[in-house]
Amino acid sequence: MTHYYKITLKSLDLDVLNFTTENSHSFSISLYSQDTVDRLQQEEDARNQLFQQKKKLEQENGGLKKDIEDLELAIQKVRRIEKNL
């Protein structure tokens, strides 16, 4: 679980991120400037967009593979028919 705390110290704007492990036995605290937090958010957003695009392309790829298999079966069928003529 991650907790975000906002701290302002003499015009220095920092975010404190508190990370705890699943078993809650240990934790660490890190300080990040707002620019760093904003960049992290942008990177996470970009990663999520790429993941969604990848998923969409994989689905399209699966459909194309199915179409190719169907065409190959149709070609085999035509060849068998031609062979029997």
PDB file of N, CA and C in Angstrom:
ATOM      1  N   MET A   1       0.852  -1.173   0.000  1.00  0.00           N
ATOM      2  CA  MET A   1       0.000   0.000   0.000  1.00  0.00           C
ATOM      3  C   MET A   1       0.895   1.232   0.000  1.00  0.00           C
ATOM      4  N   THR A   2       0.523   2.250  -0.763  1.00  0.00           N
ATOM      5  CA  THR A   2       1.301   3.477  -0.848  1.00  0.00           C
ATOM      6  C   THR A   2       0.489   4.626  -0.307  1.00  0.00           C
ATOM      7  N   HIS A   3       1.101   5.408   0.565  1.00  0.00           N
ATOM      8  CA  HIS A   3       0.454   6.599   1.106  1.00  0.00           C
ATOM      9  C   HIS A   3       1.220   7.817   0.626  1.00  0.00           C
ATOM     10  N   TYR A   4       0.506   8.839   0.216  1.00  0.00           N
ATOM     11  CA  TYR A   4       1.124  10.077  -0.234  1.00  0.00           C
ATOM     12  C   TYR A   4       0.861  11.174   0.786  1.00  0.00           C
ATOM     13  N   TYR A   5       1.905  11.893   1.147  1.00  0.00           N
ATOM     14  CA  TYR A   5       1.777  13.013   2.067  1.00  0.00           C
ATOM     15  C   TYR A   5       2.390  14.237   1.411  1.00  0.00           C
ATOM     16  N   LYS A   6       1.765  15.366   1.524  1.00  0.00           N
ATOM     17  CA  LYS A   6       2.259  16.623   0.965  1.00  0.00           C
ATOM     18  C   LYS A   6       2.937  17.427   2.063  1.00  0.00           C
ATOM     19  N   ILE A   7       4.182  17.870   1.816  1.00  0.00           N
ATOM     20  CA  ILE A   7       4.940  18.648   2.792  1.00  0.00           C
ATOM     21  C   ILE A   7       5.516  19.876   2.092  1.00  0.00           C
ATOM     22  N   THR A   8       5.406  21.038   2.725  1.00  0.00           N
ATOM     23  CA  THR A   8       6.033  22.249   2.208  1.00  0.00           C
ATOM     24  C   THR A   8       7.008  22.768   3.251  1.00  0.00           C
ATOM     25  N   LEU A   9       8.276  22.901   2.870  1.00  0.00           N
ATOM     26  CA  LEU A   9       9.317  23.386   3.773  1.00  0.00           C
ATOM     27  C   LEU A   9      10.007  24.587   3.136  1.00  0.00           C
ATOM     28  N   LYS A  10       9.771  25.778   3.652  1.00  0.00           N
ATOM     29  CA  LYS A  10      10.434  26.992   3.165  1.00  0.00           C
ATOM     30  C   LYS A  10      10.484  27.034   1.638  1.00  0.00           C
ATOM     31  N   SER A  11       9.346  26.984   1.014  1.00  0.00           N
ATOM     32  CA  SER A  11       9.198  27.049  -0.440  1.00  0.00           C
ATOM     33  C   SER A  11       9.698  25.807  -1.168  1.00  0.00           C
ATOM     34  N   LEU A  12      10.070  24.782  -0.450  1.00  0.00           N
ATOM     35  CA  LEU A  12      10.481  23.538  -1.081  1.00  0.00           C
ATOM     36  C   LEU A  12       9.303  22.582  -0.986  1.00  0.00           C
ATOM     37  N   ASP A  13       8.732  22.255  -2.114  1.00  0.00           N
ATOM     38  CA  ASP A  13       7.535  21.427  -2.170  1.00  0.00           C
ATOM     39  C   ASP A  13       7.948  19.977  -2.417  1.00  0.00           C
ATOM     40  N   LEU A  14       7.706  19.106  -1.468  1.00  0.00           N
ATOM     41  CA  LEU A  14       8.088  17.708  -1.580  1.00  0.00           C
ATOM     42  C   LEU A  14       6.892  16.816  -1.305  1.00  0.00           C
ATOM     43  N   ASP A  15       6.915  15.645  -1.919  1.00  0.00           N
ATOM     44  CA  ASP A  15       5.928  14.622  -1.604  1.00  0.00           C
ATOM     45  C   ASP A  15       6.646  13.492  -0.880  1.00  0.00           C
ATOM     46  N   VAL A  16       6.029  12.980   0.138  1.00  0.00           N
ATOM     47  CA  VAL A  16       6.574  11.841   0.864  1.00  0.00           C
ATOM     48  C   VAL A  16       5.763  10.624   0.455  1.00  0.00           C
ATOM     49  N   LEU A  17       6.451   9.630  -0.054  1.00  0.00           N
ATOM     50  CA  LEU A  17       5.792   8.393  -0.446  1.00  0.00           C
ATOM     51  C   LEU A  17       6.158   7.325   0.572  1.00  0.00           C
ATOM     52  N   ASN A  18       5.171   6.737   1.187  1.00  0.00           N
ATOM     53  CA  ASN A  18       5.403   5.726   2.209  1.00  0.00           C
ATOM     54  C   ASN A  18       5.005   4.372   1.630  1.00  0.00           C
ATOM     55  N   PHE A  19       5.975   3.513   1.410  1.00  0.00           N
ATOM     56  CA  PHE A  19       5.715   2.197   0.848  1.00  0.00           C
ATOM     57  C   PHE A  19       5.778   1.158   1.956  1.00  0.00           C
ATOM     58  N   THR A  20       4.782   0.313   2.045  1.00  0.00           N
ATOM     59  CA  THR A  20       4.822  -0.776   3.012  1.00  0.00           C
ATOM     60  C   THR A  20       4.765  -2.092   2.254  1.00  0.00           C
ATOM     61  N   THR A  21       5.405  -3.097   2.804  1.00  0.00           N
ATOM     62  CA  THR A  21       5.377  -4.407   2.183  1.00  0.00           C
ATOM     63  C   THR A  21       4.047  -5.072   2.494  1.00  0.00           C
ATOM     64  N   GLU A  22       3.793  -6.182   1.798  1.00  0.00           N
ATOM     65  CA  GLU A  22       2.529  -6.889   2.006  1.00  0.00           C
ATOM     66  C   GLU A  22       2.363  -7.355   3.451  1.00  0.00           C
ATOM     67  N   ASN A  23       3.455  -7.765   4.079  1.00  0.00           N
ATOM     68  CA  ASN A  23       3.349  -8.245   5.453  1.00  0.00           C
ATOM     69  C   ASN A  23       3.519  -7.121   6.477  1.00  0.00           C
ATOM     70  N   SER A  24       3.725  -5.890   6.007  1.00  0.00           N
ATOM     71  CA  SER A  24       3.814  -4.688   6.848  1.00  0.00           C
ATOM     72  C   SER A  24       4.936  -4.740   7.884  1.00  0.00           C
ATOM     73  N   HIS A  25       5.955  -5.561   7.659  1.00  0.00           N
ATOM     74  CA  HIS A  25       7.057  -5.634   8.613  1.00  0.00           C
ATOM     75  C   HIS A  25       8.119  -4.575   8.370  1.00  0.00           C
ATOM     76  N   SER A  26       8.204  -4.083   7.163  1.00  0.00           N
ATOM     77  CA  SER A  26       9.230  -3.081   6.886  1.00  0.00           C
ATOM     78  C   SER A  26       8.649  -1.998   5.992  1.00  0.00           C
ATOM     79  N   PHE A  27       9.292  -0.850   6.003  1.00  0.00           N
ATOM     80  CA  PHE A  27       8.842   0.244   5.154  1.00  0.00           C
ATOM     81  C   PHE A  27      10.011   1.167   4.893  1.00  0.00           C
ATOM     82  N   SER A  28       9.856   1.972   3.865  1.00  0.00           N
ATOM     83  CA  SER A  28      10.860   2.994   3.587  1.00  0.00           C
ATOM     84  C   SER A  28      10.136   4.260   3.177  1.00  0.00           C
ATOM     85  N   ILE A  29      10.756   5.377   3.432  1.00  0.00           N
ATOM     86  CA  ILE A  29      10.177   6.672   3.092  1.00  0.00           C
ATOM     87  C   ILE A  29      11.135   7.360   2.132  1.00  0.00           C
ATOM     88  N   SER A  30      10.593   7.877   1.048  1.00  0.00           N
ATOM     89  CA  SER A  30      11.406   8.585   0.067  1.00  0.00           C
ATOM     90  C   SER A  30      10.807   9.951  -0.175  1.00  0.00           C
ATOM     91  N   LEU A  31      11.653  10.922  -0.437  1.00  0.00           N
ATOM     92  CA  LEU A  31      11.200  12.269  -0.754  1.00  0.00           C
ATOM     93  C   LEU A  31      11.418  12.518  -2.239  1.00  0.00           C
ATOM     94  N   TYR A  32      10.399  13.042  -2.896  1.00  0.00           N
ATOM     95  CA  TYR A  32      10.479  13.344  -4.317  1.00  0.00           C
ATOM     96  C   TYR A  32       9.997  14.763  -4.545  1.00  0.00           C
ATOM     97  N   SER A  33      10.636  15.472  -5.452  1.00  0.00           N
ATOM     98  CA  SER A  33      10.150  16.796  -5.811  1.00  0.00           C
ATOM     99  C   SER A  33       8.864  16.635  -6.619  1.00  0.00           C
ATOM    100  N   GLN A  34       8.067  17.678  -6.705  1.00  0.00           N
ATOM    101  CA  GLN A  34       6.814  17.616  -7.453  1.00  0.00           C
ATOM    102  C   GLN A  34       7.084  17.295  -8.923  1.00  0.00           C
ATOM    103  N   ASP A  35       8.190  17.812  -9.467  1.00  0.00           N
ATOM    104  CA  ASP A  35       8.546  17.501 -10.855  1.00  0.00           C
ATOM    105  C   ASP A  35       8.755  16.004 -11.045  1.00  0.00           C
ATOM    106  N   THR A  36       9.406  15.381 -10.075  1.00  0.00           N
ATOM    107  CA  THR A  36       9.647  13.946 -10.162  1.00  0.00           C
ATOM    108  C   THR A  36       8.340  13.172 -10.083  1.00  0.00           C
ATOM    109  N   VAL A  37       7.465  13.577  -9.195  1.00  0.00           N
ATOM    110  CA  VAL A  37       6.166  12.911  -9.058  1.00  0.00           C
ATOM    111  C   VAL A  37       5.356  13.088 -10.339  1.00  0.00           C
ATOM    112  N   ASP A  38       5.378  14.303 -10.911  1.00  0.00           N
ATOM    113  CA  ASP A  38       4.658  14.548 -12.167  1.00  0.00           C
ATOM    114  C   ASP A  38       5.220  13.691 -13.293  1.00  0.00           C
ATOM    115  N   ARG A  39       6.545  13.601 -13.366  1.00  0.00           N
ATOM    116  CA  ARG A  39       7.167  12.786 -14.422  1.00  0.00           C
ATOM    117  C   ARG A  39       6.812  11.320 -14.244  1.00  0.00           C
ATOM    118  N   LEU A  40       6.817  10.851 -13.009  1.00  0.00           N
ATOM    119  CA  LEU A  40       6.430   9.473 -12.734  1.00  0.00           C
ATOM    120  C   LEU A  40       5.007   9.222 -13.204  1.00  0.00           C
ATOM    121  N   GLN A  41       4.105  10.149 -12.924  1.00  0.00           N
ATOM    122  CA  GLN A  41       2.716   9.999 -13.347  1.00  0.00           C
ATOM    123  C   GLN A  41       2.612   9.964 -14.872  1.00  0.00           C
ATOM    124  N   GLN A  42       3.364  10.826 -15.545  1.00  0.00           N
ATOM    125  CA  GLN A  42       3.359  10.838 -17.009  1.00  0.00           C
ATOM    126  C   GLN A  42       3.885   9.517 -17.569  1.00  0.00           C
ATOM    127  N   GLU A  43       4.949   9.008 -16.974  1.00  0.00           N
ATOM    128  CA  GLU A  43       5.521   7.739 -17.427  1.00  0.00           C
ATOM    129  C   GLU A  43       4.539   6.590 -17.210  1.00  0.00           C
ATOM    130  N   GLU A  44       3.859   6.596 -16.068  1.00  0.00           N
ATOM    131  CA  GLU A  44       2.868   5.554 -15.795  1.00  0.00           C
ATOM    132  C   GLU A  44       1.706   5.646 -16.778  1.00  0.00           C
ATOM    133  N   ASP A  45       1.259   6.867 -17.080  1.00  0.00           N
ATOM    134  CA  ASP A  45       0.179   7.057 -18.053  1.00  0.00           C
ATOM    135  C   ASP A  45       0.602   6.557 -19.433  1.00  0.00           C
ATOM    136  N   ALA A  46       1.828   6.894 -19.839  1.00  0.00           N
ATOM    137  CA  ALA A  46       2.333   6.451 -21.140  1.00  0.00           C
ATOM    138  C   ALA A  46       2.437   4.929 -21.183  1.00  0.00           C
ATOM    139  N   ARG A  47       2.908   4.340 -20.089  1.00  0.00           N
ATOM    140  CA  ARG A  47       3.014   2.876 -20.017  1.00  0.00           C
ATOM    141  C   ARG A  47       1.645   2.228 -20.147  1.00  0.00           C
ATOM    142  N   ASN A  48       0.653   2.789 -19.460  1.00  0.00           N
ATOM    143  CA  ASN A  48      -0.700   2.244 -19.538  1.00  0.00           C
ATOM    144  C   ASN A  48      -1.264   2.355 -20.947  1.00  0.00           C
ATOM    145  N   GLN A  49      -1.003   3.474 -21.626  1.00  0.00           N
ATOM    146  CA  GLN A  49      -1.469   3.634 -23.002  1.00  0.00           C
ATOM    147  C   GLN A  49      -0.821   2.599 -23.910  1.00  0.00           C
ATOM    148  N   LEU A  50       0.485   2.407 -23.752  1.00  0.00           N
ATOM    149  CA  LEU A  50       1.181   1.416 -24.564  1.00  0.00           C
ATOM    150  C   LEU A  50       0.652   0.012 -24.298  1.00  0.00           C
ATOM    151  N   PHE A  51       0.358  -0.293 -23.048  1.00  0.00           N
ATOM    152  CA  PHE A  51      -0.187  -1.600 -22.706  1.00  0.00           C
ATOM    153  C   PHE A  51      -1.536  -1.812 -23.387  1.00  0.00           C
ATOM    154  N   GLN A  52      -2.394  -0.783 -23.375  1.00  0.00           N
ATOM    155  CA  GLN A  52      -3.700  -0.890 -24.028  1.00  0.00           C
ATOM    156  C   GLN A  52      -3.542  -1.062 -25.537  1.00  0.00           C
ATOM    157  N   GLN A  53      -2.605  -0.324 -26.131  1.00  0.00           N
ATOM    158  CA  GLN A  53      -2.360  -0.464 -27.566  1.00  0.00           C
ATOM    159  C   GLN A  53      -1.845  -1.864 -27.889  1.00  0.00           C
ATOM    160  N   LYS A  54      -0.957  -2.373 -27.047  1.00  0.00           N
ATOM    161  CA  LYS A  54      -0.418  -3.719 -27.250  1.00  0.00           C
ATOM    162  C   LYS A  54      -1.535  -4.752 -27.200  1.00  0.00           C
ATOM    163  N   LYS A  55      -2.419  -4.604 -26.222  1.00  0.00           N
ATOM    164  CA  LYS A  55      -3.536  -5.529 -26.079  1.00  0.00           C
ATOM    165  C   LYS A  55      -4.422  -5.513 -27.329  1.00  0.00           C
ATOM    166  N   LYS A  56      -4.706  -4.305 -27.819  1.00  0.00           N
ATOM    167  CA  LYS A  56      -5.544  -4.158 -29.009  1.00  0.00           C
ATOM    168  C   LYS A  56      -4.879  -4.804 -30.224  1.00  0.00           C
ATOM    169  N   LEU A  57      -3.577  -4.566 -30.393  1.00  0.00           N
ATOM    170  CA  LEU A  57      -2.852  -5.146 -31.520  1.00  0.00           C
ATOM    171  C   LEU A  57      -2.785  -6.669 -31.423  1.00  0.00           C
ATOM    172  N   GLU A  58      -2.632  -7.189 -30.218  1.00  0.00           N
ATOM    173  CA  GLU A  58      -2.616  -8.644 -30.043  1.00  0.00           C
ATOM    174  C   GLU A  58      -3.955  -9.250 -30.432  1.00  0.00           C
ATOM    175  N   GLN A  59      -5.054  -8.571 -30.101  1.00  0.00           N
ATOM    176  CA  GLN A  59      -6.376  -9.051 -30.487  1.00  0.00           C
ATOM    177  C   GLN A  59      -6.536  -9.023 -32.004  1.00  0.00           C
ATOM    178  N   GLU A  60      -6.103  -7.918 -32.630  1.00  0.00           N
ATOM    179  CA  GLU A  60      -6.174  -7.819 -34.085  1.00  0.00           C
ATOM    180  C   GLU A  60      -5.309  -8.896 -34.730  1.00  0.00           C
ATOM    181  N   ASN A  61      -4.135  -9.128 -34.166  1.00  0.00           N
ATOM    182  CA  ASN A  61      -3.228 -10.143 -34.682  1.00  0.00           C
ATOM    183  C   ASN A  61      -3.874 -11.527 -34.611  1.00  0.00           C
ATOM    184  N   GLY A  62      -4.551 -11.805 -33.510  1.00  0.00           N
ATOM    185  CA  GLY A  62      -5.242 -13.084 -33.369  1.00  0.00           C
ATOM    186  C   GLY A  62      -6.310 -13.255 -34.434  1.00  0.00           C
ATOM    187  N   GLY A  63      -7.041 -12.187 -34.729  1.00  0.00           N
ATOM    188  CA  GLY A  63      -8.059 -12.239 -35.776  1.00  0.00           C
ATOM    189  C   GLY A  63      -7.448 -12.479 -37.143  1.00  0.00           C
ATOM    190  N   LEU A  64      -6.326 -11.826 -37.418  1.00  0.00           N
ATOM    191  CA  LEU A  64      -5.646 -12.017 -38.703  1.00  0.00           C
ATOM    192  C   LEU A  64      -5.112 -13.442 -38.839  1.00  0.00           C
ATOM    193  N   LYS A  65      -4.567 -13.986 -37.759  1.00  0.00           N
ATOM    194  CA  LYS A  65      -4.080 -15.367 -37.795  1.00  0.00           C
ATOM    195  C   LYS A  65      -5.222 -16.330 -38.109  1.00  0.00           C
ATOM    196  N   LYS A  66      -6.374 -16.086 -37.517  1.00  0.00           N
ATOM    197  CA  LYS A  66      -7.551 -16.928 -37.777  1.00  0.00           C
ATOM    198  C   LYS A  66      -7.958 -16.818 -39.239  1.00  0.00           C
ATOM    199  N   ASP A  67      -7.952 -15.601 -39.791  1.00  0.00           N
ATOM    200  CA  ASP A  67      -8.287 -15.408 -41.204  1.00  0.00           C
ATOM    201  C   ASP A  67      -7.315 -16.160 -42.105  1.00  0.00           C
ATOM    202  N   ILE A  68      -6.025 -16.117 -41.783  1.00  0.00           N
ATOM    203  CA  ILE A  68      -5.015 -16.821 -42.579  1.00  0.00           C
ATOM    204  C   ILE A  68      -5.248 -18.326 -42.520  1.00  0.00           C
ATOM    205  N   GLU A  69      -5.537 -18.847 -41.332  1.00  0.00           N
ATOM    206  CA  GLU A  69      -5.816 -20.280 -41.195  1.00  0.00           C
ATOM    207  C   GLU A  69      -7.023 -20.671 -42.035  1.00  0.00           C
ATOM    208  N   ASP A  70      -8.071 -19.845 -42.010  1.00  0.00           N
ATOM    209  CA  ASP A  70      -9.263 -20.126 -42.812  1.00  0.00           C
ATOM    210  C   ASP A  70      -8.936 -20.137 -44.299  1.00  0.00           C
ATOM    211  N   LEU A  71      -8.122 -19.181 -44.753  1.00  0.00           N
ATOM    212  CA  LEU A  71      -7.724 -19.135 -46.162  1.00  0.00           C
ATOM    213  C   LEU A  71      -6.885 -20.350 -46.541  1.00  0.00           C
ATOM    214  N   GLU A  72      -5.970 -20.752 -45.665  1.00  0.00           N
ATOM    215  CA  GLU A  72      -5.147 -21.929 -45.940  1.00  0.00           C
ATOM    216  C   GLU A  72      -6.006 -23.177 -46.057  1.00  0.00           C
ATOM    217  N   LEU A  73      -7.009 -23.312 -45.199  1.00  0.00           N
ATOM    218  CA  LEU A  73      -7.918 -24.458 -45.285  1.00  0.00           C
ATOM    219  C   LEU A  73      -8.718 -24.424 -46.577  1.00  0.00           C
ATOM    220  N   ALA A  74      -9.156 -23.235 -46.979  1.00  0.00           N
ATOM    221  CA  ALA A  74      -9.910 -23.104 -48.228  1.00  0.00           C
ATOM    222  C   ALA A  74      -9.031 -23.473 -49.423  1.00  0.00           C
ATOM    223  N   ILE A  75      -7.773 -23.062 -49.412  1.00  0.00           N
ATOM    224  CA  ILE A  75      -6.843 -23.401 -50.495  1.00  0.00           C
ATOM    225  C   ILE A  75      -6.625 -24.906 -50.551  1.00  0.00           C
ATOM    226  N   GLN A  76      -6.445 -25.534 -49.401  1.00  0.00           N
ATOM    227  CA  GLN A  76      -6.267 -26.988 -49.357  1.00  0.00           C
ATOM    228  C   GLN A  76      -7.487 -27.701 -49.924  1.00  0.00           C
ATOM    229  N   LYS A  77      -8.658 -27.207 -49.586  1.00  0.00           N
ATOM    230  CA  LYS A  77      -9.899 -27.812 -50.072  1.00  0.00           C
ATOM    231  C   LYS A  77      -9.988 -27.697 -51.590  1.00  0.00           C
ATOM    232  N   VAL A  78      -9.663 -26.524 -52.127  1.00  0.00           N
ATOM    233  CA  VAL A  78      -9.698 -26.327 -53.579  1.00  0.00           C
ATOM    234  C   VAL A  78      -8.686 -27.241 -54.257  1.00  0.00           C
ATOM    235  N   ARG A  79      -7.504 -27.384 -53.692  1.00  0.00           N
ATOM    236  CA  ARG A  79      -6.478 -28.258 -54.274  1.00  0.00           C
ATOM    237  C   ARG A  79      -6.925 -29.718 -54.281  1.00  0.00           C
ATOM    238  N   ARG A  80      -7.599 -30.142 -53.205  1.00  0.00           N
ATOM    239  CA  ARG A  80      -8.114 -31.520 -53.166  1.00  0.00           C
ATOM    240  C   ARG A  80      -9.168 -31.729 -54.239  1.00  0.00           C
ATOM    241  N   ILE A  81     -10.038 -30.732 -54.404  1.00  0.00           N
ATOM    242  CA  ILE A  81     -11.087 -30.832 -55.426  1.00  0.00           C
ATOM    243  C   ILE A  81     -10.454 -30.887 -56.809  1.00  0.00           C
ATOM    244  N   GLU A  82      -9.478 -30.031 -57.085  1.00  0.00           N
ATOM    245  CA  GLU A  82      -8.799 -30.015 -58.384  1.00  0.00           C
ATOM    246  C   GLU A  82      -8.099 -31.346 -58.639  1.00  0.00           C
ATOM    247  N   LYS A  83      -7.508 -31.911 -57.598  1.00  0.00           N
ATOM    248  CA  LYS A  83      -6.784 -33.173 -57.727  1.00  0.00           C
ATOM    249  C   LYS A  83      -7.734 -34.309 -58.095  1.00  0.00           C
ATOM    250  N   ASN A  84      -8.943 -34.264 -57.575  1.00  0.00           N
ATOM    251  CA  ASN A  84      -9.919 -35.321 -57.827  1.00  0.00           C
ATOM    252  C   ASN A  84     -10.616 -35.173 -59.169  1.00  0.00           C
ATOM    253  N   LEU A  85     -10.453 -34.059 -59.856  1.00  0.00           N
ATOM    254  CA  LEU A  85     -11.098 -33.862 -61.165  1.00  0.00           C
ATOM    255  C   LEU A  85     -10.373 -34.549 -62.242  1.00  0.00           C
TER     256      LEU A  85
END
